[in-house]
């Protein structure tokens, strides 16, 4: 995301079902200079509202909220497109003399914004050939073996069965004629950023209980009906949208007849596993100040927001000490 990024922006991160969105909305109600920016790869899809726990229309009417409902669910959406739209949103916020509170759990989208990642291009013809290969038995593993030869660094960073990542890495390596891992400093580097990063810690027992309760609330709110409506749309859902937590499992019930109870159990299991992967991703970032779960989270976030607005710069222990003091 080239160019100057104004100081004072804050990013609130954490695993799914950690209460990030509610906390961000509370801050925005109390700080009129705050505008919220979603950093969620599934909230970009229109009509995928209930299962993504997207802010309601009433909540969005009360506070400015950006990067929601960007494309129809049958469209593919790329990291580079998100990066461009985030750049535009931040420029608008700065132009109004306000500051952004980024909120979400999609780690790669966050890094694309706060670290201005160099995002590789797209090579549709190459990707189409790779997808055809991946459709064959054992295809994804064979593609991973090919990637291991062409770009062992990238191959070592992903599971051999992760079709989306393997295909994308090979697409870039073949299309750009350079290793996928050569773009930017890589996700293992955590350079200084003008964004202040704060996070909600992961507590397995608490999160598992919240995920259990969340699915009950989502189903009561009409999640299954939402999935049925999406499944019957003329364009259906894109490959990416179909992988969204809960949607994939409920689509198996709607389209393939998998018993609902089994689908819900699998959705909860996958969400628990996803929360643990998110935590593993975020806890590696030394720039994140972790809010103290035993103290008022809103009060801590407000303190960080106000300090960032005064143009202070923090990193590592200094930032955490300020919250604890």
Protein backbone atom coordinates (compact mmCIF):
# COMPACT_ATOMS: atom_id res chain seq x y z
CA UNK A 1 0.00 0.00 0.00
CA UNK A 2 2.41 2.60 -1.21
CA UNK A 3 2.73 6.12 0.05
CA UNK A 4 2.44 7.74 3.45
CA UNK A 5 0.11 6.21 6.02
CA UNK A 6 -0.97 8.72 8.62
CA UNK A 7 -0.28 7.97 12.27
CA UNK A 8 -2.95 7.27 14.80
CA UNK A 9 -4.69 4.31 13.18
CA UNK A 10 -5.29 1.28 15.44
CA UNK A 11 -5.92 -2.37 14.59
CA UNK A 12 -7.87 -4.66 16.93
CA UNK A 13 -7.21 -8.34 16.27
CA UNK A 14 -8.04 -11.68 17.79
CA UNK A 15 -9.50 -15.11 17.05
CA UNK A 16 -13.05 -15.61 15.85
CA UNK A 17 -15.76 -15.24 18.52
CA UNK A 18 -13.45 -13.16 20.74
CA UNK A 19 -15.81 -10.16 20.81
CA UNK A 20 -13.69 -7.88 18.59
CA UNK A 21 -16.57 -6.39 16.63
CA UNK A 22 -18.67 -5.58 19.68
CA UNK A 23 -15.67 -3.98 21.39
CA UNK A 24 -14.86 -1.92 18.30
CA UNK A 25 -18.45 -0.69 18.04
CA UNK A 26 -18.38 0.35 21.70
CA UNK A 27 -15.25 2.40 21.08
CA UNK A 28 -16.74 4.04 17.99
CA UNK A 29 -19.81 5.08 19.98
CA UNK A 30 -17.54 6.83 22.48
CA UNK A 31 -14.99 8.35 20.12
CA UNK A 32 -16.48 10.38 17.24
CA UNK A 33 -13.11 10.51 15.47
CA UNK A 34 -13.21 6.71 14.95
CA UNK A 35 -14.28 4.98 11.75
CA UNK A 36 -14.31 1.18 11.64
CA UNK A 37 -12.65 -0.80 8.87
CA UNK A 38 -13.45 -4.51 8.54
CA UNK A 39 -10.50 -6.85 8.03
CA UNK A 40 -12.51 -10.01 7.41
CA UNK A 41 -12.21 -12.01 4.20
CA UNK A 42 -15.82 -13.25 4.36
CA UNK A 43 -17.56 -10.01 5.36
CA UNK A 44 -16.72 -8.70 1.89
CA UNK A 45 -19.55 -10.85 0.48
CA UNK A 46 -23.06 -9.46 0.22
CA UNK A 47 -25.91 -11.56 1.63
CA UNK A 48 -23.50 -13.53 3.81
CA UNK A 49 -24.63 -11.67 6.91
CA UNK A 50 -25.74 -14.03 9.66
CA UNK A 51 -23.00 -16.64 9.44
CA UNK A 52 -20.24 -14.02 9.36
CA UNK A 53 -21.75 -12.19 12.37
CA UNK A 54 -21.59 -9.04 10.25
CA UNK A 55 -22.58 -5.77 12.00
CA UNK A 56 -26.28 -5.12 11.57
CA UNK A 57 -27.67 -2.33 9.39
CA UNK A 58 -28.61 -0.45 12.56
CA UNK A 59 -25.05 -0.71 13.91
CA UNK A 60 -23.62 0.46 10.58
CA UNK A 61 -26.04 3.38 10.53
CA UNK A 62 -24.80 4.47 13.95
CA UNK A 63 -21.06 4.45 13.19
CA UNK A 64 -19.06 4.63 9.93
CA UNK A 65 -18.09 1.09 8.85
CA UNK A 66 -15.97 0.28 5.78
CA UNK A 67 -15.12 -2.74 3.58
CA UNK A 68 -18.33 -4.69 4.14
CA UNK A 69 -20.53 -6.04 1.31
CA UNK A 70 -18.05 -5.36 -1.48
CA UNK A 71 -18.94 -8.16 -3.92
CA UNK A 72 -21.66 -10.71 -4.64
CA UNK A 73 -21.04 -14.17 -3.20
CA UNK A 74 -20.47 -15.73 -6.61
CA UNK A 75 -17.51 -13.42 -7.29
CA UNK A 76 -13.91 -14.27 -6.49
CA UNK A 77 -12.23 -11.64 -4.30
CA UNK A 78 -8.48 -11.14 -4.13
CA UNK A 79 -6.04 -9.90 -1.55
CA UNK A 80 -4.79 -7.20 -3.91
CA UNK A 81 -8.32 -5.91 -4.43
CA UNK A 82 -8.84 -5.73 -0.69
CA UNK A 83 -5.56 -3.88 -0.35
CA UNK A 84 -6.60 -1.30 -2.94
CA UNK A 85 -10.00 -0.75 -1.32
CA UNK A 86 -8.42 -0.48 2.12
CA UNK A 87 -6.03 2.16 0.78
CA UNK A 88 -8.98 4.16 -0.55
CA UNK A 89 -10.92 3.79 2.71
CA UNK A 90 -7.98 4.98 4.81
CA UNK A 91 -7.38 7.95 2.52
CA UNK A 92 -11.02 8.97 2.90
CA UNK A 93 -10.89 8.61 6.67
CA UNK A 94 -7.73 10.70 6.88
CA UNK A 95 -9.27 13.26 4.55
CA UNK A 96 -12.14 13.69 7.00
CA UNK A 97 -9.67 14.26 9.83
CA UNK A 98 -10.57 10.99 11.51
CA UNK A 99 -8.75 7.78 12.38
CA UNK A 100 -9.34 4.15 11.51
CA UNK A 101 -9.92 1.27 13.87
CA UNK A 102 -9.25 -1.86 11.84
CA UNK A 103 -11.12 -4.85 13.24
CA UNK A 104 -11.07 -8.45 12.15
CA UNK A 105 -9.37 -11.81 12.26
CA UNK A 106 -8.06 -12.37 8.73
CA UNK A 107 -4.36 -12.17 9.42
CA UNK A 108 -3.21 -11.93 5.81
CA UNK A 109 -5.62 -9.07 5.07
CA UNK A 110 -4.37 -7.25 8.16
CA UNK A 111 -0.73 -7.65 7.15
CA UNK A 112 -1.54 -6.44 3.63
CA UNK A 113 -2.73 -3.16 5.15
CA UNK A 114 -0.43 -2.52 8.11
CA UNK A 115 2.72 -3.79 6.38
CA UNK A 116 1.93 -2.71 2.82
CA UNK A 117 2.69 -6.19 1.49
CA UNK A 118 3.78 -6.55 -2.11
CA UNK A 119 0.89 -8.60 -3.50
CA UNK A 120 1.68 -10.82 -6.50
CA UNK A 121 -0.39 -10.53 -9.67
CA UNK A 122 -2.99 -12.97 -11.02
CA UNK A 123 -2.43 -15.40 -13.88
CA UNK A 124 -5.87 -16.86 -14.68
CA UNK A 125 -4.77 -19.25 -17.44
CA UNK A 126 -2.04 -20.73 -15.28
CA UNK A 127 -4.44 -20.98 -12.35
CA UNK A 128 -7.06 -22.74 -14.49
CA UNK A 129 -4.57 -25.42 -15.52
CA UNK A 130 -3.49 -25.92 -11.90
CA UNK A 131 -7.10 -26.15 -10.70
CA UNK A 132 -7.74 -28.87 -13.31
CA UNK A 133 -4.76 -30.80 -11.99
CA UNK A 134 -5.91 -30.28 -8.39
CA UNK A 135 -9.30 -31.80 -9.30
CA UNK A 136 -7.67 -35.16 -10.02
CA UNK A 137 -7.04 -37.73 -7.25
CA UNK A 138 -3.92 -36.72 -5.34
CA UNK A 139 -3.62 -33.63 -7.51
CA UNK A 140 -3.01 -31.12 -4.72
CA UNK A 141 -0.21 -33.22 -3.23
CA UNK A 142 1.43 -33.56 -6.66
CA UNK A 143 1.23 -29.79 -7.11
CA UNK A 144 2.82 -29.33 -3.70
CA UNK A 145 5.67 -31.63 -4.74
CA UNK A 146 6.14 -29.50 -7.85
CA UNK A 147 6.17 -26.36 -5.70
CA UNK A 148 8.75 -27.98 -3.43
CA UNK A 149 11.10 -28.18 -6.44
CA UNK A 150 10.39 -24.66 -7.76
CA UNK A 151 10.03 -22.78 -4.44
CA UNK A 152 10.93 -24.92 -1.41
CA UNK A 153 10.61 -21.92 0.92
CA UNK A 154 6.97 -21.38 -0.01
CA UNK A 155 6.21 -25.11 -0.02
CA UNK A 156 7.54 -25.48 3.51
CA UNK A 157 5.11 -22.80 4.74
CA UNK A 158 1.95 -24.68 3.78
CA UNK A 159 0.27 -28.03 4.22
CA UNK A 160 0.53 -30.28 1.13
CA UNK A 161 -3.27 -30.66 1.24
CA UNK A 162 -4.06 -26.93 1.33
CA UNK A 163 -5.31 -26.66 -2.24
CA UNK A 164 -5.96 -22.91 -2.28
CA UNK A 165 -2.50 -21.95 -1.01
CA UNK A 166 -0.63 -24.52 -3.09
CA UNK A 167 -2.39 -23.50 -6.32
CA UNK A 168 -1.87 -19.80 -5.61
CA UNK A 169 1.85 -20.21 -4.86
CA UNK A 170 2.39 -22.23 -8.04
CA UNK A 171 0.28 -19.80 -10.08
CA UNK A 172 2.55 -16.93 -9.09
CA UNK A 173 5.79 -18.89 -9.36
CA UNK A 174 4.95 -20.03 -12.90
CA UNK A 175 3.18 -16.87 -14.05
CA UNK A 176 5.65 -14.32 -12.69
CA UNK A 177 8.71 -16.47 -13.41
CA UNK A 178 9.96 -15.88 -9.90
CA UNK A 179 9.40 -17.71 -6.60
CA UNK A 180 6.21 -16.93 -4.74
CA UNK A 181 8.31 -16.52 -1.57
CA UNK A 182 10.32 -13.71 -3.21
CA UNK A 183 7.49 -11.18 -2.94
CA UNK A 184 8.11 -8.73 -0.10
CA UNK A 185 9.98 -9.44 3.14
CA UNK A 186 7.67 -12.36 3.87
CA UNK A 187 5.20 -12.95 6.65
CA UNK A 188 7.95 -13.92 9.08
CA UNK A 189 9.19 -10.30 9.17
CA UNK A 190 7.49 -7.77 11.45
CA UNK A 191 8.75 -4.34 10.38
CA UNK A 192 7.84 -1.07 12.12
CA UNK A 193 4.31 0.01 11.23
CA UNK A 194 2.45 3.30 11.67
CA UNK A 195 -0.51 1.26 12.93
CA UNK A 196 -0.88 0.51 16.63
CA UNK A 197 -1.76 -3.19 17.01
CA UNK A 198 -3.77 -4.48 19.96
CA UNK A 199 -5.32 -7.89 20.46
CA UNK A 200 -7.74 -9.97 22.49
CA UNK A 201 -6.02 -13.02 23.92
CA UNK A 202 -7.11 -16.57 23.17
CA UNK A 203 -8.47 -18.63 26.05
CA UNK A 204 -9.37 -22.11 24.73
CA UNK A 205 -12.08 -22.87 27.28
CA UNK A 206 -13.69 -19.42 26.97
CA UNK A 207 -13.51 -19.42 23.18
CA UNK A 208 -14.89 -22.94 22.82
CA UNK A 209 -17.87 -21.98 24.97
CA UNK A 210 -18.39 -18.79 22.96
CA UNK A 211 -18.25 -20.71 19.68
CA UNK A 212 -20.85 -23.15 21.00
CA UNK A 213 -23.15 -20.32 22.02
CA UNK A 214 -22.47 -18.37 18.83
CA UNK A 215 -23.71 -21.20 16.62
CA UNK A 216 -26.88 -21.50 18.66
CA UNK A 217 -27.50 -17.76 18.20
CA UNK A 218 -26.69 -17.89 14.48
CA UNK A 219 -29.08 -20.78 13.86
CA UNK A 220 -31.81 -19.06 15.87
CA UNK A 221 -31.24 -15.94 13.74
CA UNK A 222 -31.88 -17.84 10.50
CA UNK A 223 -28.41 -18.97 9.41
CA UNK A 224 -29.76 -22.11 7.71
CA UNK A 225 -32.31 -20.10 5.73
CA UNK A 226 -29.54 -17.73 4.66
CA UNK A 227 -27.48 -20.65 3.35
CA UNK A 228 -30.51 -22.09 1.52
CA UNK A 229 -31.09 -18.74 -0.18
CA UNK A 230 -27.43 -18.49 -1.20
CA UNK A 231 -27.41 -22.04 -2.57
CA UNK A 232 -30.36 -21.28 -4.85
CA UNK A 233 -28.94 -18.02 -6.26
CA UNK A 234 -28.36 -18.20 -10.05
CA UNK A 235 -24.62 -17.67 -9.60
CA UNK A 236 -24.31 -19.75 -6.44
CA UNK A 237 -21.24 -19.12 -4.33
CA UNK A 238 -17.63 -18.67 -5.39
CA UNK A 239 -15.05 -21.28 -4.41
CA UNK A 240 -13.78 -18.96 -1.67
CA UNK A 241 -17.19 -18.02 -0.29
CA UNK A 242 -18.16 -21.70 -0.07
CA UNK A 243 -15.29 -22.28 2.35
CA UNK A 244 -16.55 -19.80 4.95
CA UNK A 245 -16.92 -21.18 8.46
CA UNK A 246 -20.36 -22.69 8.92
CA UNK A 247 -21.38 -22.07 5.33
CA UNK A 248 -19.42 -25.03 3.99
CA UNK A 249 -20.99 -27.38 6.52
CA UNK A 250 -24.54 -26.10 6.12
CA UNK A 251 -24.17 -26.27 2.33
CA UNK A 252 -23.31 -29.95 2.77
CA UNK A 253 -26.64 -30.34 4.58
CA UNK A 254 -28.61 -28.33 2.00
CA UNK A 255 -26.97 -29.69 -1.15
CA UNK A 256 -25.83 -33.18 -0.18
CA UNK A 257 -28.26 -34.19 2.52
CA UNK A 258 -25.73 -34.43 5.34
CA UNK A 259 -27.75 -34.52 8.61
CA UNK A 260 -28.05 -31.05 10.12
CA UNK A 261 -26.77 -32.13 13.52
CA UNK A 262 -23.64 -33.61 11.94
CA UNK A 263 -23.10 -30.45 9.87
CA UNK A 264 -23.36 -28.23 12.95
CA UNK A 265 -20.97 -30.42 14.94
CA UNK A 266 -18.44 -30.24 12.09
CA UNK A 267 -18.89 -26.46 11.77
CA UNK A 268 -18.15 -26.01 15.46
CA UNK A 269 -15.13 -28.30 15.25
CA UNK A 270 -13.70 -26.42 12.28
CA UNK A 271 -14.34 -23.06 13.95
CA UNK A 272 -12.50 -24.19 17.09
CA UNK A 273 -9.55 -25.32 14.97
CA UNK A 274 -9.61 -22.05 13.02
CA UNK A 275 -9.54 -19.98 16.22
CA UNK A 276 -6.42 -21.86 17.31
CA UNK A 277 -4.74 -21.19 13.96
CA UNK A 278 -5.62 -17.50 14.23
CA UNK A 279 -4.10 -17.36 17.69
CA UNK A 280 -0.92 -19.07 16.43
CA UNK A 281 -0.73 -16.47 13.63
CA UNK A 282 -1.29 -13.40 15.80
CA UNK A 283 0.82 -14.39 18.79
CA UNK A 284 3.92 -14.53 16.57
CA UNK A 285 3.62 -10.79 15.94
CA UNK A 286 5.73 -9.00 18.60
CA UNK A 287 4.10 -5.65 17.77
CA UNK A 288 0.71 -6.61 19.19
CA UNK A 289 -0.20 -5.32 22.64
CA UNK A 290 -2.39 -7.94 24.31
CA UNK A 291 -5.24 -6.55 26.37
CA UNK A 292 -5.48 -7.86 29.93
CA UNK A 293 -8.52 -10.20 30.01
CA UNK A 294 -8.94 -9.62 33.76
CA UNK A 295 -9.48 -5.89 33.29
CA UNK A 296 -12.06 -3.78 31.46
CA UNK A 297 -11.27 -4.36 27.78
CA UNK A 298 -13.04 -1.22 26.60
CA UNK A 299 -11.17 0.98 29.07
CA UNK A 300 -7.86 -0.49 27.87
CA UNK A 301 -8.76 -0.04 24.20
CA UNK A 302 -9.86 3.54 24.83
CA UNK A 303 -6.53 4.25 26.50
CA UNK A 304 -4.67 2.88 23.48
CA UNK A 305 -6.89 4.85 21.09
CA UNK A 306 -6.41 8.11 22.96
CA UNK A 307 -2.64 7.63 23.24
CA UNK A 308 -2.40 6.86 19.51
CA UNK A 309 -4.33 10.02 18.76
CA UNK A 310 -1.73 12.05 20.56
CA UNK A 311 0.81 10.83 18.02
CA UNK A 312 2.73 8.65 20.46
CA UNK A 313 4.81 5.80 19.10
CA UNK A 314 5.01 2.45 20.80
CA UNK A 315 6.54 -0.94 20.21
CA UNK A 316 6.96 -4.13 22.17
CA UNK A 317 6.98 -3.94 25.96
CA UNK A 318 6.52 -0.19 26.17
CA UNK A 319 3.04 -0.42 24.68
CA UNK A 320 2.02 -3.29 26.90
CA UNK A 321 3.35 -1.51 29.97
CA UNK A 322 1.17 1.51 29.21
CA UNK A 323 -1.95 -0.66 29.19
CA UNK A 324 -0.97 -2.41 32.39
CA UNK A 325 0.01 0.70 34.35
